[in-house]
Amino acid sequence: MMKRIGIFALGATLCAMCFEVGQRFLPAGAHRFVATVEAMIGRPLTPVSVAGVARRTSRRCAVGVYDC
């Protein structure tokens, strides 16, 4: 049973590595398996953005959490 699990894990790892290598070495103009993803960090309503930090700070000052 452990041998089957090991073979399955090895196969899954090799498959994932083939997808990664295939994505890096595709010729120009070829379709990819997974589309490019853009990060959403930095949008005005995300908690990491400057606008999000300023919004939370002003809200906490108005409520009295901070001494502003």
PDB file of N, CA and C in Angstrom:
ATOM      1  N   MET A   1       0.827  -1.195   0.000  1.00  0.00           N
ATOM      2  CA  MET A   1       0.000   0.000   0.000  1.00  0.00           C
ATOM      3  C   MET A   1       0.874   1.262   0.000  1.00  0.00           C
ATOM      4  N   MET A   2       1.925   1.260   0.819  1.00  0.00           N
ATOM      5  CA  MET A   2       2.808   2.431   0.877  1.00  0.00           C
ATOM      6  C   MET A   2       3.545   2.619  -0.453  1.00  0.00           C
ATOM      7  N   LYS A   3       3.842   1.515  -1.146  1.00  0.00           N
ATOM      8  CA  LYS A   3       4.520   1.611  -2.428  1.00  0.00           C
ATOM      9  C   LYS A   3       3.627   2.301  -3.461  1.00  0.00           C
ATOM     10  N   ARG A   4       2.344   1.983  -3.439  1.00  0.00           N
ATOM     11  CA  ARG A   4       1.397   2.627  -4.364  1.00  0.00           C
ATOM     12  C   ARG A   4       1.274   4.118  -4.069  1.00  0.00           C
ATOM     13  N   ILE A   5       1.219   4.473  -2.808  1.00  0.00           N
ATOM     14  CA  ILE A   5       1.124   5.891  -2.436  1.00  0.00           C
ATOM     15  C   ILE A   5       2.381   6.633  -2.874  1.00  0.00           C
ATOM     16  N   GLY A   6       3.534   6.009  -2.684  1.00  0.00           N
ATOM     17  CA  GLY A   6       4.790   6.631  -3.108  1.00  0.00           C
ATOM     18  C   GLY A   6       4.864   6.821  -4.607  1.00  0.00           C
ATOM     19  N   ILE A   7       4.415   5.827  -5.359  1.00  0.00           N
ATOM     20  CA  ILE A   7       4.420   5.938  -6.823  1.00  0.00           C
ATOM     21  C   ILE A   7       3.455   7.024  -7.272  1.00  0.00           C
ATOM     22  N   PHE A   8       2.291   7.106  -6.642  1.00  0.00           N
ATOM     23  CA  PHE A   8       1.325   8.154  -6.972  1.00  0.00           C
ATOM     24  C   PHE A   8       1.896   9.534  -6.663  1.00  0.00           C
ATOM     25  N   ALA A   9       2.535   9.690  -5.505  1.00  0.00           N
ATOM     26  CA  ALA A   9       3.119  10.981  -5.129  1.00  0.00           C
ATOM     27  C   ALA A   9       4.231  11.377  -6.100  1.00  0.00           C
ATOM     28  N   LEU A  10       5.051  10.415  -6.486  1.00  0.00           N
ATOM     29  CA  LEU A  10       6.120  10.695  -7.441  1.00  0.00           C
ATOM     30  C   LEU A  10       5.545  11.103  -8.794  1.00  0.00           C
ATOM     31  N   GLY A  11       4.506  10.415  -9.245  1.00  0.00           N
ATOM     32  CA  GLY A  11       3.871  10.759 -10.512  1.00  0.00           C
ATOM     33  C   GLY A  11       3.238  12.144 -10.484  1.00  0.00           C
ATOM     34  N   ALA A  12       2.579  12.462  -9.374  1.00  0.00           N
ATOM     35  CA  ALA A  12       1.956  13.785  -9.259  1.00  0.00           C
ATOM     36  C   ALA A  12       3.011  14.881  -9.246  1.00  0.00           C
ATOM     37  N   THR A  13       4.126  14.647  -8.568  1.00  0.00           N
ATOM     38  CA  THR A  13       5.208  15.629  -8.533  1.00  0.00           C
ATOM     39  C   THR A  13       5.810  15.824  -9.910  1.00  0.00           C
ATOM     40  N   LEU A  14       6.055  14.736 -10.625  1.00  0.00           N
ATOM     41  CA  LEU A  14       6.605  14.848 -11.976  1.00  0.00           C
ATOM     42  C   LEU A  14       5.642  15.556 -12.914  1.00  0.00           C
ATOM     43  N   CYS A  15       4.365  15.293 -12.772  1.00  0.00           N
ATOM     44  CA  CYS A  15       3.363  15.962 -13.602  1.00  0.00           C
ATOM     45  C   CYS A  15       3.355  17.469 -13.341  1.00  0.00           C
ATOM     46  N   ALA A  16       3.401  17.857 -12.086  1.00  0.00           N
ATOM     47  CA  ALA A  16       3.421  19.282 -11.738  1.00  0.00           C
ATOM     48  C   ALA A  16       4.684  19.950 -12.264  1.00  0.00           C
ATOM     49  N   MET A  17       5.809  19.247 -12.175  1.00  0.00           N
ATOM     50  CA  MET A  17       7.062  19.813 -12.681  1.00  0.00           C
ATOM     51  C   MET A  17       7.018  19.969 -14.195  1.00  0.00           C
ATOM     52  N   CYS A  18       6.408  19.024 -14.892  1.00  0.00           N
ATOM     53  CA  CYS A  18       6.293  19.132 -16.349  1.00  0.00           C
ATOM     54  C   CYS A  18       5.432  20.326 -16.745  1.00  0.00           C
ATOM     55  N   PHE A  19       4.361  20.571 -16.028  1.00  0.00           N
ATOM     56  CA  PHE A  19       3.533  21.746 -16.322  1.00  0.00           C
ATOM     57  C   PHE A  19       4.318  23.026 -16.100  1.00  0.00           C
ATOM     58  N   GLU A  20       5.097  23.092 -15.033  1.00  0.00           N
ATOM     59  CA  GLU A  20       5.871  24.298 -14.734  1.00  0.00           C
ATOM     60  C   GLU A  20       6.944  24.527 -15.796  1.00  0.00           C
ATOM     61  N   VAL A  21       7.671  23.486 -16.160  1.00  0.00           N
ATOM     62  CA  VAL A  21       8.708  23.620 -17.179  1.00  0.00           C
ATOM     63  C   VAL A  21       8.072  23.953 -18.523  1.00  0.00           C
ATOM     64  N   GLY A  22       6.953  23.358 -18.828  1.00  0.00           N
ATOM     65  CA  GLY A  22       6.271  23.639 -20.075  1.00  0.00           C
ATOM     66  C   GLY A  22       5.805  25.075 -20.177  1.00  0.00           C
ATOM     67  N   GLN A  23       5.379  25.664 -19.068  1.00  0.00           N
ATOM     68  CA  GLN A  23       4.944  27.060 -19.067  1.00  0.00           C
ATOM     69  C   GLN A  23       6.114  27.998 -19.336  1.00  0.00           C
ATOM     70  N   ARG A  24       7.276  27.664 -18.837  1.00  0.00           N
ATOM     71  CA  ARG A  24       8.435  28.555 -18.986  1.00  0.00           C
ATOM     72  C   ARG A  24       9.037  28.513 -20.377  1.00  0.00           C
ATOM     73  N   PHE A  25       8.973  27.375 -21.043  1.00  0.00           N
ATOM     74  CA  PHE A  25       9.655  27.215 -22.311  1.00  0.00           C
ATOM     75  C   PHE A  25       8.717  27.129 -23.506  1.00  0.00           C
ATOM     76  N   LEU A  26       7.504  27.652 -23.377  1.00  0.00           N
ATOM     77  CA  LEU A  26       6.578  27.663 -24.512  1.00  0.00           C
ATOM     78  C   LEU A  26       7.057  28.661 -25.564  1.00  0.00           C
ATOM     79  N   PRO A  27       6.914  28.355 -26.823  1.00  0.00           N
ATOM     80  CA  PRO A  27       7.265  29.334 -27.856  1.00  0.00           C
ATOM     81  C   PRO A  27       6.290  30.509 -27.839  1.00  0.00           C
ATOM     82  N   ALA A  28       6.734  31.629 -28.374  1.00  0.00           N
ATOM     83  CA  ALA A  28       5.903  32.832 -28.403  1.00  0.00           C
ATOM     84  C   ALA A  28       4.643  32.570 -29.218  1.00  0.00           C
ATOM     85  N   GLY A  29       3.511  32.992 -28.691  1.00  0.00           N
ATOM     86  CA  GLY A  29       2.246  32.841 -29.391  1.00  0.00           C
ATOM     87  C   GLY A  29       1.508  31.558 -29.075  1.00  0.00           C
ATOM     88  N   ALA A  30       2.115  30.653 -28.344  1.00  0.00           N
ATOM     89  CA  ALA A  30       1.454  29.396 -27.998  1.00  0.00           C
ATOM     90  C   ALA A  30       0.518  29.625 -26.816  1.00  0.00           C
ATOM     91  N   HIS A  31      -0.560  28.868 -26.771  1.00  0.00           N
ATOM     92  CA  HIS A  31      -1.512  29.004 -25.676  1.00  0.00           C
ATOM     93  C   HIS A  31      -0.996  28.290 -24.436  1.00  0.00           C
ATOM     94  N   ARG A  32      -1.199  28.903 -23.308  1.00  0.00           N
ATOM     95  CA  ARG A  32      -0.743  28.325 -22.049  1.00  0.00           C
ATOM     96  C   ARG A  32      -1.856  27.512 -21.414  1.00  0.00           C
ATOM     97  N   PHE A  33      -1.445  26.591 -20.530  1.00  0.00           N
ATOM     98  CA  PHE A  33      -2.404  25.756 -19.806  1.00  0.00           C
ATOM     99  C   PHE A  33      -3.194  26.602 -18.812  1.00  0.00           C
ATOM    100  N   VAL A  34      -2.521  27.533 -18.123  1.00  0.00           N
ATOM    101  CA  VAL A  34      -3.147  28.430 -17.152  1.00  0.00           C
ATOM    102  C   VAL A  34      -2.859  29.850 -17.598  1.00  0.00           C
ATOM    103  N   ALA A  35      -3.877  30.691 -17.607  1.00  0.00           N
ATOM    104  CA  ALA A  35      -3.701  32.079 -18.013  1.00  0.00           C
ATOM    105  C   ALA A  35      -2.902  32.848 -16.966  1.00  0.00           C
ATOM    106  N   THR A  36      -2.287  33.942 -17.381  1.00  0.00           N
ATOM    107  CA  THR A  36      -1.526  34.792 -16.470  1.00  0.00           C
ATOM    108  C   THR A  36      -2.485  35.463 -15.500  1.00  0.00           C
ATOM    109  N   VAL A  37      -2.087  35.500 -14.248  1.00  0.00           N
ATOM    110  CA  VAL A  37      -2.923  36.068 -13.198  1.00  0.00           C
ATOM    111  C   VAL A  37      -2.272  37.342 -12.683  1.00  0.00           C
ATOM    112  N   GLU A  38      -3.065  38.385 -12.495  1.00  0.00           N
ATOM    113  CA  GLU A  38      -2.554  39.634 -11.958  1.00  0.00           C
ATOM    114  C   GLU A  38      -2.943  39.746 -10.492  1.00  0.00           C
ATOM    115  N   ALA A  39      -2.033  40.257  -9.696  1.00  0.00           N
ATOM    116  CA  ALA A  39      -2.287  40.416  -8.263  1.00  0.00           C
ATOM    117  C   ALA A  39      -3.256  41.567  -8.035  1.00  0.00           C
ATOM    118  N   MET A  40      -4.125  41.405  -7.068  1.00  0.00           N
ATOM    119  CA  MET A  40      -5.108  42.431  -6.746  1.00  0.00           C
ATOM    120  C   MET A  40      -4.633  43.333  -5.618  1.00  0.00           C
ATOM    121  N   ILE A  41      -3.441  43.109  -5.091  1.00  0.00           N
ATOM    122  CA  ILE A  41      -2.934  43.934  -3.993  1.00  0.00           C
ATOM    123  C   ILE A  41      -2.635  45.323  -4.525  1.00  0.00           C
ATOM    124  N   GLY A  42      -3.039  46.324  -3.784  1.00  0.00           N
ATOM    125  CA  GLY A  42      -2.805  47.689  -4.188  1.00  0.00           C
ATOM    126  C   GLY A  42      -4.056  48.387  -4.674  1.00  0.00           C
ATOM    127  N   ARG A  43      -5.144  47.662  -4.849  1.00  0.00           N
ATOM    128  CA  ARG A  43      -6.395  48.308  -5.229  1.00  0.00           C
ATOM    129  C   ARG A  43      -6.908  49.102  -4.034  1.00  0.00           C
ATOM    130  N   PRO A  44      -7.726  50.109  -4.250  1.00  0.00           N
ATOM    131  CA  PRO A  44      -8.141  50.982  -3.142  1.00  0.00           C
ATOM    132  C   PRO A  44      -8.874  50.283  -1.999  1.00  0.00           C
ATOM    133  N   LEU A  45      -9.582  49.209  -2.245  1.00  0.00           N
ATOM    134  CA  LEU A  45     -10.352  48.590  -1.169  1.00  0.00           C
ATOM    135  C   LEU A  45      -9.669  47.379  -0.542  1.00  0.00           C
ATOM    136  N   THR A  46      -8.439  47.080  -0.947  1.00  0.00           N
ATOM    137  CA  THR A  46      -7.741  45.954  -0.345  1.00  0.00           C
ATOM    138  C   THR A  46      -7.071  46.388   0.953  1.00  0.00           C
ATOM    139  N   PRO A  47      -6.923  45.495   1.914  1.00  0.00           N
ATOM    140  CA  PRO A  47      -6.364  45.891   3.202  1.00  0.00           C
ATOM    141  C   PRO A  47      -4.894  46.279   3.152  1.00  0.00           C
ATOM    142  N   VAL A  48      -4.158  45.884   2.117  1.00  0.00           N
ATOM    143  CA  VAL A  48      -2.734  46.181   2.061  1.00  0.00           C
ATOM    144  C   VAL A  48      -2.464  47.525   1.393  1.00  0.00           C
ATOM    145  N   SER A  49      -3.435  48.065   0.674  1.00  0.00           N
ATOM    146  CA  SER A  49      -3.204  49.297  -0.072  1.00  0.00           C
ATOM    147  C   SER A  49      -3.096  50.494   0.869  1.00  0.00           C
ATOM    148  N   VAL A  50      -2.491  51.557   0.364  1.00  0.00           N
ATOM    149  CA  VAL A  50      -2.336  52.788   1.145  1.00  0.00           C
ATOM    150  C   VAL A  50      -3.700  53.384   1.456  1.00  0.00           C
ATOM    151  N   ALA A  51      -4.620  53.323   0.491  1.00  0.00           N
ATOM    152  CA  ALA A  51      -5.957  53.866   0.719  1.00  0.00           C
ATOM    153  C   ALA A  51      -6.698  53.062   1.779  1.00  0.00           C
ATOM    154  N   GLY A  52      -6.502  51.737   1.792  1.00  0.00           N
ATOM    155  CA  GLY A  52      -7.154  50.912   2.808  1.00  0.00           C
ATOM    156  C   GLY A  52      -6.626  51.199   4.193  1.00  0.00           C
ATOM    157  N   VAL A  53      -5.314  51.397   4.312  1.00  0.00           N
ATOM    158  CA  VAL A  53      -4.716  51.717   5.609  1.00  0.00           C
ATOM    159  C   VAL A  53      -5.202  53.082   6.088  1.00  0.00           C
ATOM    160  N   ALA A  54      -5.248  54.063   5.191  1.00  0.00           N
ATOM    161  CA  ALA A  54      -5.717  55.397   5.567  1.00  0.00           C
ATOM    162  C   ALA A  54      -7.183  55.369   5.974  1.00  0.00           C
ATOM    163  N   ARG A  55      -7.987  54.583   5.274  1.00  0.00           N
ATOM    164  CA  ARG A  55      -9.405  54.491   5.602  1.00  0.00           C
ATOM    165  C   ARG A  55      -9.596  53.885   6.981  1.00  0.00           C
ATOM    166  N   ARG A  56      -8.877  52.815   7.279  1.00  0.00           N
ATOM    167  CA  ARG A  56      -9.011  52.191   8.604  1.00  0.00           C
ATOM    168  C   ARG A  56      -8.494  53.094   9.712  1.00  0.00           C
ATOM    169  N   THR A  57      -7.395  53.808   9.444  1.00  0.00           N
ATOM    170  CA  THR A  57      -6.843  54.705  10.458  1.00  0.00           C
ATOM    171  C   THR A  57      -7.816  55.829  10.770  1.00  0.00           C
ATOM    172  N   SER A  58      -8.410  56.424   9.737  1.00  0.00           N
ATOM    173  CA  SER A  58      -9.356  57.515   9.980  1.00  0.00           C
ATOM    174  C   SER A  58     -10.610  57.006  10.692  1.00  0.00           C
ATOM    175  N   ARG A  59     -11.052  55.804  10.360  1.00  0.00           N
ATOM    176  CA  ARG A  59     -12.208  55.226  11.032  1.00  0.00           C
ATOM    177  C   ARG A  59     -11.902  54.962  12.510  1.00  0.00           C
ATOM    178  N   ARG A  60     -10.710  54.436  12.790  1.00  0.00           N
ATOM    179  CA  ARG A  60     -10.345  54.144  14.182  1.00  0.00           C
ATOM    180  C   ARG A  60     -10.135  55.424  14.985  1.00  0.00           C
ATOM    181  N   CYS A  61      -9.658  56.477  14.324  1.00  0.00           N
ATOM    182  CA  CYS A  61      -9.524  57.760  15.019  1.00  0.00           C
ATOM    183  C   CYS A  61     -10.899  58.325  15.368  1.00  0.00           C
ATOM    184  N   ALA A  62     -11.859  58.184  14.438  1.00  0.00           N
ATOM    185  CA  ALA A  62     -13.197  58.714  14.684  1.00  0.00           C
ATOM    186  C   ALA A  62     -13.900  57.942  15.799  1.00  0.00           C
ATOM    187  N   VAL A  63     -13.679  56.655  15.905  1.00  0.00           N
ATOM    188  CA  VAL A  63     -14.329  55.851  16.925  1.00  0.00           C
ATOM    189  C   VAL A  63     -13.665  56.044  18.291  1.00  0.00           C
ATOM    190  N   GLY A  64     -12.376  56.348  18.290  1.00  0.00           N
ATOM    191  CA  GLY A  64     -11.687  56.571  19.547  1.00  0.00           C
ATOM    192  C   GLY A  64     -10.690  55.481  19.894  1.00  0.00           C
ATOM    193  N   VAL A  65     -10.395  54.610  18.960  1.00  0.00           N
ATOM    194  CA  VAL A  65      -9.412  53.558  19.204  1.00  0.00           C
ATOM    195  C   VAL A  65      -8.021  54.169  19.319  1.00  0.00           C
ATOM    196  N   TYR A  66      -7.719  55.140  18.465  1.00  0.00           N
ATOM    197  CA  TYR A  66      -6.438  55.838  18.481  1.00  0.00           C
ATOM    198  C   TYR A  66      -6.626  57.235  19.058  1.00  0.00           C
ATOM    199  N   ASP A  67      -5.564  57.814  19.612  1.00  0.00           N
ATOM    200  CA  ASP A  67      -5.586  59.207  20.054  1.00  0.00           C
ATOM    201  C   ASP A  67      -5.048  60.074  18.909  1.00  0.00           C
ATOM    202  N   CYS A  68      -5.963  60.561  18.077  1.00  0.00           N
ATOM    203  CA  CYS A  68      -5.549  61.357  16.917  1.00  0.00           C
ATOM    204  C   CYS A  68      -5.800  62.818  17.164  1.00  0.00           C
TER     205      CYS A  68
END
